[in-house]
C-alpha cells in the first residue's frame, strides 16, 4: 500500500477531492483519536508522521485542518461517496 503525502492543510472544497479519497482512513483515525480524547500531539505524530516537538505550529495546523475536514466528511462529504447530491436528512 502506498502512503499518500499530507498537505499542511486539508482541502476546503465543497466537493470531495482526490486528496480526501486518498486520506479517508486517516480522517477516520483522526476522528477516533478525537473521540477517545487523545492528545492532538500524539495523534499528529502518529498519523502525520511529523515531529511535533520540532514543528509544533505546523503540526497543530495540520491536525486542526485535517480534523475539521474529517468532521466535514461525516456531515457532508459522505454524501459524495454515496453518490447523493446532498447529505441525507437525519
PDB file of N, CA and C in Angstrom:
ATOM      1  N   UNK A   1       0.840  -1.177   0.000  1.00  0.00           N
ATOM      2  CA  UNK A   1       0.000   0.000   0.000  1.00  0.00           C
ATOM      3  C   UNK A   1       0.885   1.241   0.000  1.00  0.00           C
ATOM      4  N   UNK A   2       0.604   2.168  -0.873  1.00  0.00           N
ATOM      5  CA  UNK A   2       1.375   3.397  -0.992  1.00  0.00           C
ATOM      6  C   UNK A   2       0.820   4.443  -0.040  1.00  0.00           C
ATOM      7  N   UNK A   3       1.711   5.055   0.730  1.00  0.00           N
ATOM      8  CA  UNK A   3       1.296   6.112   1.635  1.00  0.00           C
ATOM      9  C   UNK A   3       1.257   7.423   0.853  1.00  0.00           C
ATOM     10  N   UNK A   4       0.147   8.123   0.969  1.00  0.00           N
ATOM     11  CA  UNK A   4      -0.027   9.388   0.275  1.00  0.00           C
ATOM     12  C   UNK A   4       0.441  10.515   1.188  1.00  0.00           C
ATOM     13  N   UNK A   5       1.243  11.399   0.660  1.00  0.00           N
ATOM     14  CA  UNK A   5       1.785  12.512   1.443  1.00  0.00           C
ATOM     15  C   UNK A   5       0.659  13.424   1.922  1.00  0.00           C
ATOM     16  N   UNK A   6       0.906  14.046   3.069  1.00  0.00           N
ATOM     17  CA  UNK A   6      -0.047  15.000   3.631  1.00  0.00           C
ATOM     18  C   UNK A   6       0.317  16.417   3.221  1.00  0.00           C
ATOM     19  N   UNK A   7      -0.695  17.194   2.879  1.00  0.00           N
ATOM     20  CA  UNK A   7      -0.511  18.633   2.710  1.00  0.00           C
ATOM     21  C   UNK A   7      -0.536  19.257   4.104  1.00  0.00           C
ATOM     22  N   UNK A   8       0.024  20.444   4.224  1.00  0.00           N
ATOM     23  CA  UNK A   8      -0.002  21.112   5.527  1.00  0.00           C
ATOM     24  C   UNK A   8      -1.420  21.465   5.953  1.00  0.00           C
ATOM     25  N   UNK A   9      -2.283  21.652   4.991  1.00  0.00           N
ATOM     26  CA  UNK A   9      -3.693  21.951   5.289  1.00  0.00           C
ATOM     27  C   UNK A   9      -4.578  21.058   4.420  1.00  0.00           C
ATOM     28  N   UNK A  10      -5.650  20.589   5.020  1.00  0.00           N
ATOM     29  CA  UNK A  10      -6.621  19.778   4.289  1.00  0.00           C
ATOM     30  C   UNK A  10      -7.404  20.675   3.332  1.00  0.00           C
ATOM     31  N   UNK A  11      -8.009  20.092   2.314  1.00  0.00           N
ATOM     32  CA  UNK A  11      -8.798  20.887   1.371  1.00  0.00           C
ATOM     33  C   UNK A  11      -9.977  21.575   2.063  1.00  0.00           C
ATOM     34  N   UNK A  12     -10.435  22.658   1.470  1.00  0.00           N
ATOM     35  CA  UNK A  12     -11.628  23.346   1.958  1.00  0.00           C
ATOM     36  C   UNK A  12     -12.713  23.369   0.874  1.00  0.00           C
ATOM     37  N   UNK A  13     -12.596  22.524  -0.087  1.00  0.00           N
ATOM     38  CA  UNK A  13     -13.534  22.436  -1.203  1.00  0.00           C
ATOM     39  C   UNK A  13     -14.906  21.962  -0.722  1.00  0.00           C
ATOM     40  N   UNK A  14     -15.972  22.469  -1.345  1.00  0.00           N
ATOM     41  CA  UNK A  14     -17.310  21.977  -1.010  1.00  0.00           C
ATOM     42  C   UNK A  14     -17.603  20.609  -1.630  1.00  0.00           C
ATOM     43  N   UNK A  15     -16.655  20.109  -2.406  1.00  0.00           N
ATOM     44  CA  UNK A  15     -16.777  18.813  -3.058  1.00  0.00           C
ATOM     45  C   UNK A  15     -15.705  17.865  -2.524  1.00  0.00           C
ATOM     46  N   UNK A  16     -15.962  16.590  -2.626  1.00  0.00           N
ATOM     47  CA  UNK A  16     -14.981  15.577  -2.292  1.00  0.00           C
ATOM     48  C   UNK A  16     -13.821  15.684  -3.273  1.00  0.00           C
ATOM     49  N   UNK A  17     -12.603  15.650  -2.778  1.00  0.00           N
ATOM     50  CA  UNK A  17     -11.430  15.779  -3.636  1.00  0.00           C
ATOM     51  C   UNK A  17     -10.664  14.457  -3.705  1.00  0.00           C
ATOM     52  N   UNK A  18      -9.766  14.384  -4.659  1.00  0.00           N
ATOM     53  CA  UNK A  18      -8.882  13.225  -4.752  1.00  0.00           C
ATOM     54  C   UNK A  18      -8.067  13.093  -3.470  1.00  0.00           C
ATOM     55  N   UNK A  19      -7.655  14.230  -2.915  1.00  0.00           N
ATOM     56  CA  UNK A  19      -6.914  14.224  -1.649  1.00  0.00           C
ATOM     57  C   UNK A  19      -7.754  13.564  -0.552  1.00  0.00           C
ATOM     58  N   UNK A  20      -9.026  13.950  -0.462  1.00  0.00           N
ATOM     59  CA  UNK A  20      -9.917  13.354   0.538  1.00  0.00           C
ATOM     60  C   UNK A  20     -10.000  11.843   0.351  1.00  0.00           C
ATOM     61  N   UNK A  21     -10.210  11.427  -0.870  1.00  0.00           N
ATOM     62  CA  UNK A  21     -10.336   9.996  -1.153  1.00  0.00           C
ATOM     63  C   UNK A  21      -9.081   9.233  -0.733  1.00  0.00           C
ATOM     64  N   UNK A  22      -7.941   9.855  -0.911  1.00  0.00           N
ATOM     65  CA  UNK A  22      -6.685   9.213  -0.538  1.00  0.00           C
ATOM     66  C   UNK A  22      -6.418   9.204   0.960  1.00  0.00           C
ATOM     67  N   UNK A  23      -7.169   9.999   1.698  1.00  0.00           N
ATOM     68  CA  UNK A  23      -6.936  10.107   3.146  1.00  0.00           C
ATOM     69  C   UNK A  23      -8.145   9.720   3.992  1.00  0.00           C
ATOM     70  N   UNK A  24      -9.075   8.971   3.426  1.00  0.00           N
ATOM     71  CA  UNK A  24     -10.261   8.575   4.190  1.00  0.00           C
ATOM     72  C   UNK A  24      -9.895   7.824   5.469  1.00  0.00           C
ATOM     73  N   UNK A  25      -8.973   6.898   5.379  1.00  0.00           N
ATOM     74  CA  UNK A  25      -8.558   6.143   6.564  1.00  0.00           C
ATOM     75  C   UNK A  25      -7.921   7.074   7.598  1.00  0.00           C
ATOM     76  N   UNK A  26      -7.136   8.030   7.139  1.00  0.00           N
ATOM     77  CA  UNK A  26      -6.509   8.977   8.052  1.00  0.00           C
ATOM     78  C   UNK A  26      -7.560   9.847   8.747  1.00  0.00           C
ATOM     79  N   UNK A  27      -8.589  10.236   8.009  1.00  0.00           N
ATOM     80  CA  UNK A  27      -9.681  11.002   8.615  1.00  0.00           C
ATOM     81  C   UNK A  27     -10.357  10.183   9.713  1.00  0.00           C
ATOM     82  N   UNK A  28     -10.579   8.904   9.446  1.00  0.00           N
ATOM     83  CA  UNK A  28     -11.179   8.043  10.460  1.00  0.00           C
ATOM     84  C   UNK A  28     -10.283   7.926  11.688  1.00  0.00           C
ATOM     85  N   UNK A  29      -9.008   7.810  11.466  1.00  0.00           N
ATOM     86  CA  UNK A  29      -8.062   7.726  12.579  1.00  0.00           C
ATOM     87  C   UNK A  29      -8.089   9.008  13.412  1.00  0.00           C
ATOM     88  N   UNK A  30      -8.178  10.156  12.756  1.00  0.00           N
ATOM     89  CA  UNK A  30      -8.267  11.425  13.477  1.00  0.00           C
ATOM     90  C   UNK A  30      -9.544  11.503  14.301  1.00  0.00           C
ATOM     91  N   UNK A  31     -10.658  11.098  13.704  1.00  0.00           N
ATOM     92  CA  UNK A  31     -11.933  11.113  14.423  1.00  0.00           C
ATOM     93  C   UNK A  31     -11.894  10.169  15.618  1.00  0.00           C
ATOM     94  N   UNK A  32     -11.340   8.980  15.432  1.00  0.00           N
ATOM     95  CA  UNK A  32     -11.220   8.030  16.540  1.00  0.00           C
ATOM     96  C   UNK A  32     -10.368   8.597  17.668  1.00  0.00           C
ATOM     97  N   UNK A  33      -9.239   9.182  17.315  1.00  0.00           N
ATOM     98  CA  UNK A  33      -8.357   9.768  18.332  1.00  0.00           C
ATOM     99  C   UNK A  33      -9.066  10.882  19.087  1.00  0.00           C
ATOM    100  N   UNK A  34      -9.815  11.693  18.365  1.00  0.00           N
ATOM    101  CA  UNK A  34     -10.539  12.794  18.989  1.00  0.00           C
ATOM    102  C   UNK A  34     -11.612  12.267  19.939  1.00  0.00           C
ATOM    103  N   UNK A  35     -12.365  11.286  19.495  1.00  0.00           N
ATOM    104  CA  UNK A  35     -13.422  10.699  20.327  1.00  0.00           C
ATOM    105  C   UNK A  35     -12.835  10.062  21.588  1.00  0.00           C
ATOM    106  N   UNK A  36     -11.664   9.445  21.442  1.00  0.00           N
ATOM    107  CA  UNK A  36     -11.020   8.788  22.580  1.00  0.00           C
ATOM    108  C   UNK A  36     -10.324   9.772  23.513  1.00  0.00           C
ATOM    109  N   UNK A  37     -10.301  11.047  23.120  1.00  0.00           N
ATOM    110  CA  UNK A  37      -9.669  12.058  23.964  1.00  0.00           C
ATOM    111  C   UNK A  37      -8.156  12.074  23.876  1.00  0.00           C
ATOM    112  N   UNK A  38      -7.608  11.547  22.805  1.00  0.00           N
ATOM    113  CA  UNK A  38      -6.155  11.531  22.633  1.00  0.00           C
ATOM    114  C   UNK A  38      -5.630  12.955  22.496  1.00  0.00           C
ATOM    115  N   UNK A  39      -4.454  13.188  23.010  1.00  0.00           N
ATOM    116  CA  UNK A  39      -3.811  14.486  22.862  1.00  0.00           C
ATOM    117  C   UNK A  39      -3.519  14.717  21.380  1.00  0.00           C
ATOM    118  N   UNK A  40      -3.794  15.914  20.895  1.00  0.00           N
ATOM    119  CA  UNK A  40      -3.607  16.208  19.470  1.00  0.00           C
ATOM    120  C   UNK A  40      -2.171  15.965  19.041  1.00  0.00           C
ATOM    121  N   UNK A  41      -1.201  16.195  19.954  1.00  0.00           N
ATOM    122  CA  UNK A  41       0.206  15.994  19.611  1.00  0.00           C
ATOM    123  C   UNK A  41       0.507  14.534  19.309  1.00  0.00           C
ATOM    124  N   UNK A  42      -0.081  13.654  20.107  1.00  0.00           N
ATOM    125  CA  UNK A  42       0.121  12.225  19.868  1.00  0.00           C
ATOM    126  C   UNK A  42      -0.499  11.820  18.533  1.00  0.00           C
ATOM    127  N   UNK A  43      -1.728  12.297  18.289  1.00  0.00           N
ATOM    128  CA  UNK A  43      -2.405  11.955  17.035  1.00  0.00           C
ATOM    129  C   UNK A  43      -1.622  12.479  15.833  1.00  0.00           C
ATOM    130  N   UNK A  44      -1.173  13.724  15.917  1.00  0.00           N
ATOM    131  CA  UNK A  44      -0.431  14.317  14.797  1.00  0.00           C
ATOM    132  C   UNK A  44       0.870  13.563  14.544  1.00  0.00           C
ATOM    133  N   UNK A  45       1.562  13.200  15.601  1.00  0.00           N
ATOM    134  CA  UNK A  45       2.816  12.473  15.445  1.00  0.00           C
ATOM    135  C   UNK A  45       2.626  11.123  14.783  1.00  0.00           C
ATOM    136  N   UNK A  46       1.612  10.398  15.235  1.00  0.00           N
ATOM    137  CA  UNK A  46       1.370   9.052  14.710  1.00  0.00           C
ATOM    138  C   UNK A  46       0.765   9.094  13.307  1.00  0.00           C
ATOM    139  N   UNK A  47      -0.253   9.898  13.115  1.00  0.00           N
ATOM    140  CA  UNK A  47      -0.978   9.888  11.844  1.00  0.00           C
ATOM    141  C   UNK A  47      -0.200  10.591  10.733  1.00  0.00           C
ATOM    142  N   UNK A  48       0.352  11.758  11.039  1.00  0.00           N
ATOM    143  CA  UNK A  48       1.057  12.529  10.011  1.00  0.00           C
ATOM    144  C   UNK A  48       2.537  12.188   9.916  1.00  0.00           C
ATOM    145  N   UNK A  49       3.067  11.516  10.936  1.00  0.00           N
ATOM    146  CA  UNK A  49       4.486  11.181  10.935  1.00  0.00           C
ATOM    147  C   UNK A  49       5.368  12.410  11.047  1.00  0.00           C
ATOM    148  N   UNK A  50       4.877  13.407  11.778  1.00  0.00           N
ATOM    149  CA  UNK A  50       5.596  14.670  11.925  1.00  0.00           C
ATOM    150  C   UNK A  50       6.183  14.752  13.328  1.00  0.00           C
ATOM    151  N   UNK A  51       7.352  15.355  13.448  1.00  0.00           N
ATOM    152  CA  UNK A  51       7.973  15.567  14.752  1.00  0.00           C
ATOM    153  C   UNK A  51       7.320  16.801  15.371  1.00  0.00           C
ATOM    154  N   UNK A  52       6.377  16.558  16.238  1.00  0.00           N
ATOM    155  CA  UNK A  52       5.574  17.632  16.821  1.00  0.00           C
ATOM    156  C   UNK A  52       6.424  18.586  17.652  1.00  0.00           C
ATOM    157  N   UNK A  53       7.430  18.084  18.323  1.00  0.00           N
ATOM    158  CA  UNK A  53       8.271  18.961  19.149  1.00  0.00           C
ATOM    159  C   UNK A  53       9.140  19.878  18.287  1.00  0.00           C
ATOM    160  N   UNK A  54       9.499  19.441  17.095  1.00  0.00           N
ATOM    161  CA  UNK A  54      10.321  20.256  16.198  1.00  0.00           C
ATOM    162  C   UNK A  54       9.485  21.261  15.398  1.00  0.00           C
ATOM    163  N   UNK A  55       8.233  20.897  15.095  1.00  0.00           N
ATOM    164  CA  UNK A  55       7.359  21.751  14.284  1.00  0.00           C
ATOM    165  C   UNK A  55       5.968  21.845  14.917  1.00  0.00           C
ATOM    166  N   UNK A  56       5.878  22.403  16.123  1.00  0.00           N
ATOM    167  CA  UNK A  56       4.581  22.414  16.818  1.00  0.00           C
ATOM    168  C   UNK A  56       3.495  23.209  16.101  1.00  0.00           C
ATOM    169  N   UNK A  57       3.836  24.343  15.525  1.00  0.00           N
ATOM    170  CA  UNK A  57       2.821  25.157  14.856  1.00  0.00           C
ATOM    171  C   UNK A  57       2.304  24.461  13.597  1.00  0.00           C
ATOM    172  N   UNK A  58       3.212  23.912  12.823  1.00  0.00           N
ATOM    173  CA  UNK A  58       2.819  23.180  11.619  1.00  0.00           C
ATOM    174  C   UNK A  58       1.985  21.954  11.983  1.00  0.00           C
ATOM    175  N   UNK A  59       2.412  21.229  13.005  1.00  0.00           N
ATOM    176  CA  UNK A  59       1.692  20.028  13.427  1.00  0.00           C
ATOM    177  C   UNK A  59       0.282  20.376  13.894  1.00  0.00           C
ATOM    178  N   UNK A  60       0.146  21.449  14.650  1.00  0.00           N
ATOM    179  CA  UNK A  60      -1.172  21.866  15.151  1.00  0.00           C
ATOM    180  C   UNK A  60      -2.078  22.276  13.988  1.00  0.00           C
ATOM    181  N   UNK A  61      -1.539  23.034  13.042  1.00  0.00           N
ATOM    182  CA  UNK A  61      -2.328  23.456  11.882  1.00  0.00           C
ATOM    183  C   UNK A  61      -2.752  22.250  11.046  1.00  0.00           C
ATOM    184  N   UNK A  62      -1.846  21.300  10.853  1.00  0.00           N
ATOM    185  CA  UNK A  62      -2.180  20.085  10.104  1.00  0.00           C
ATOM    186  C   UNK A  62      -3.282  19.317  10.814  1.00  0.00           C
ATOM    187  N   UNK A  63      -3.102  19.128  12.107  1.00  0.00           N
ATOM    188  CA  UNK A  63      -4.089  18.382  12.889  1.00  0.00           C
ATOM    189  C   UNK A  63      -5.454  19.045  12.815  1.00  0.00           C
ATOM    190  N   UNK A  64      -5.497  20.331  13.093  1.00  0.00           N
ATOM    191  CA  UNK A  64      -6.782  21.035  13.152  1.00  0.00           C
ATOM    192  C   UNK A  64      -7.494  21.057  11.800  1.00  0.00           C
ATOM    193  N   UNK A  65      -6.751  21.323  10.725  1.00  0.00           N
ATOM    194  CA  UNK A  65      -7.409  21.405   9.414  1.00  0.00           C
ATOM    195  C   UNK A  65      -7.876  20.028   8.948  1.00  0.00           C
ATOM    196  N   UNK A  66      -7.095  18.994   9.215  1.00  0.00           N
ATOM    197  CA  UNK A  66      -7.490  17.650   8.800  1.00  0.00           C
ATOM    198  C   UNK A  66      -8.632  17.118   9.669  1.00  0.00           C
ATOM    199  N   UNK A  67      -8.633  17.452  10.949  1.00  0.00           N
ATOM    200  CA  UNK A  67      -9.748  17.041  11.804  1.00  0.00           C
ATOM    201  C   UNK A  67     -11.028  17.750  11.371  1.00  0.00           C
ATOM    202  N   UNK A  68     -10.923  19.017  11.029  1.00  0.00           N
ATOM    203  CA  UNK A  68     -12.095  19.748  10.539  1.00  0.00           C
ATOM    204  C   UNK A  68     -12.611  19.105   9.247  1.00  0.00           C
ATOM    205  N   UNK A  69     -11.711  18.714   8.372  1.00  0.00           N
ATOM    206  CA  UNK A  69     -12.129  18.069   7.121  1.00  0.00           C
ATOM    207  C   UNK A  69     -12.748  16.701   7.408  1.00  0.00           C
ATOM    208  N   UNK A  70     -12.193  15.984   8.364  1.00  0.00           N
ATOM    209  CA  UNK A  70     -12.766  14.689   8.750  1.00  0.00           C
ATOM    210  C   UNK A  70     -14.185  14.875   9.267  1.00  0.00           C
ATOM    211  N   UNK A  71     -14.401  15.903  10.052  1.00  0.00           N
ATOM    212  CA  UNK A  71     -15.754  16.190  10.544  1.00  0.00           C
ATOM    213  C   UNK A  71     -16.681  16.566   9.375  1.00  0.00           C
ATOM    214  N   UNK A  72     -16.168  17.337   8.423  1.00  0.00           N
ATOM    215  CA  UNK A  72     -16.950  17.691   7.237  1.00  0.00           C
ATOM    216  C   UNK A  72     -17.374  16.421   6.502  1.00  0.00           C
ATOM    217  N   UNK A  73     -16.470  15.457   6.442  1.00  0.00           N
ATOM    218  CA  UNK A  73     -16.790  14.197   5.772  1.00  0.00           C
ATOM    219  C   UNK A  73     -17.963  13.499   6.444  1.00  0.00           C
ATOM    220  N   UNK A  74     -18.085  13.600   7.773  1.00  0.00           N
ATOM    221  CA  UNK A  74     -19.185  12.938   8.480  1.00  0.00           C
ATOM    222  C   UNK A  74     -20.501  13.689   8.309  1.00  0.00           C
ATOM    223  N   UNK A  75     -20.432  14.959   7.954  1.00  0.00           N
ATOM    224  CA  UNK A  75     -21.635  15.783   7.838  1.00  0.00           C
ATOM    225  C   UNK A  75     -22.087  15.991   6.390  1.00  0.00           C
ATOM    226  N   UNK A  76     -21.134  16.115   5.484  1.00  0.00           N
ATOM    227  CA  UNK A  76     -21.448  16.456   4.091  1.00  0.00           C
ATOM    228  C   UNK A  76     -20.740  15.525   3.103  1.00  0.00           C
ATOM    229  N   UNK A  77     -19.465  15.359   3.291  1.00  0.00           N
ATOM    230  CA  UNK A  77     -18.643  14.650   2.315  1.00  0.00           C
ATOM    231  C   UNK A  77     -19.055  13.225   2.040  1.00  0.00           C
ATOM    232  N   UNK A  78     -19.596  12.554   3.049  1.00  0.00           N
ATOM    233  CA  UNK A  78     -20.002  11.162   2.846  1.00  0.00           C
ATOM    234  C   UNK A  78     -21.039  11.040   1.729  1.00  0.00           C
ATOM    235  N   UNK A  79     -21.871  12.061   1.573  1.00  0.00           N
ATOM    236  CA  UNK A  79     -22.911  12.028   0.534  1.00  0.00           C
ATOM    237  C   UNK A  79     -22.284  11.904  -0.850  1.00  0.00           C
ATOM    238  N   UNK A  80     -21.134  12.534  -1.035  1.00  0.00           N
ATOM    239  CA  UNK A  80     -20.433  12.435  -2.316  1.00  0.00           C
ATOM    240  C   UNK A  80     -19.958  10.999  -2.556  1.00  0.00           C
ATOM    241  N   UNK A  81     -19.539  10.335  -1.487  1.00  0.00           N
ATOM    242  CA  UNK A  81     -19.114   8.939  -1.617  1.00  0.00           C
ATOM    243  C   UNK A  81     -20.284   8.039  -1.991  1.00  0.00           C
ATOM    244  N   UNK A  82     -21.464   8.391  -1.491  1.00  0.00           N
ATOM    245  CA  UNK A  82     -22.658   7.598  -1.769  1.00  0.00           C
ATOM    246  C   UNK A  82     -23.318   7.947  -3.095  1.00  0.00           C
ATOM    247  N   UNK A  83     -22.817   9.009  -3.742  1.00  0.00           N
ATOM    248  CA  UNK A  83     -23.396   9.434  -5.000  1.00  0.00           C
ATOM    249  C   UNK A  83     -24.645  10.282  -4.844  1.00  0.00           C
ATOM    250  N   UNK A  84     -24.846  10.819  -3.642  1.00  0.00           N
ATOM    251  CA  UNK A  84     -26.001  11.678  -3.382  1.00  0.00           C
ATOM    252  C   UNK A  84     -25.652  13.132  -3.720  1.00  0.00           C
ATOM    253  N   UNK A  85     -26.662  13.896  -4.069  1.00  0.00           N
ATOM    254  CA  UNK A  85     -26.424  15.315  -4.368  1.00  0.00           C
ATOM    255  C   UNK A  85     -26.233  16.119  -3.095  1.00  0.00           C
ATOM    256  N   UNK A  86     -26.848  15.671  -2.009  1.00  0.00           N
ATOM    257  CA  UNK A  86     -26.720  16.383  -0.738  1.00  0.00           C
ATOM    258  C   UNK A  86     -26.823  15.381   0.391  1.00  0.00           C
ATOM    259  N   UNK A  87     -26.414  15.781   1.605  1.00  0.00           N
ATOM    260  CA  UNK A  87     -26.464  14.859   2.749  1.00  0.00           C
ATOM    261  C   UNK A  87     -27.890  14.371   2.998  1.00  0.00           C
ATOM    262  N   UNK A  88     -27.975  13.168   3.528  1.00  0.00           N
ATOM    263  CA  UNK A  88     -29.269  12.594   3.878  1.00  0.00           C
ATOM    264  C   UNK A  88     -29.836  13.292   5.105  1.00  0.00           C
ATOM    265  N   UNK A  89     -31.136  13.409   5.170  1.00  0.00           N
ATOM    266  CA  UNK A  89     -31.775  14.052   6.325  1.00  0.00           C
ATOM    267  C   UNK A  89     -31.734  13.096   7.510  1.00  0.00           C
ATOM    268  N   UNK A  90     -31.535  13.664   8.668  1.00  0.00           N
ATOM    269  CA  UNK A  90     -31.490  12.831   9.877  1.00  0.00           C
ATOM    270  C   UNK A  90     -32.813  12.838  10.567  1.00  0.00           C
TER     271      UNK A  90
END
